């Protein structure tokens, strides 16, 4: 069994994608995972920038840290940046 796929992916395209992933080596799969992760992080930070007009880049990144890892860690990062 595999994870659900996007509704706009045809069953044939889904089958082909899964077969390509099965044939890909560990290095290729890791590269795809890393690329997807970088894309998701960049998109989430961009969404925060858009939602926080006028905020500095540090403020946006600290908010991102808070959302991902919690307020305590974000506050620790903020204190270190203030030094």
Foldseek 3Di string as FASTA:
>chain_A
DDDDDDPPQDPVNVVVVVVVVVPDDPVVVVVVVVVVVVVVLVVVLVVLCVVDDPDDSLVSVLVVCCVVPNDVVSVVVVVVVVD
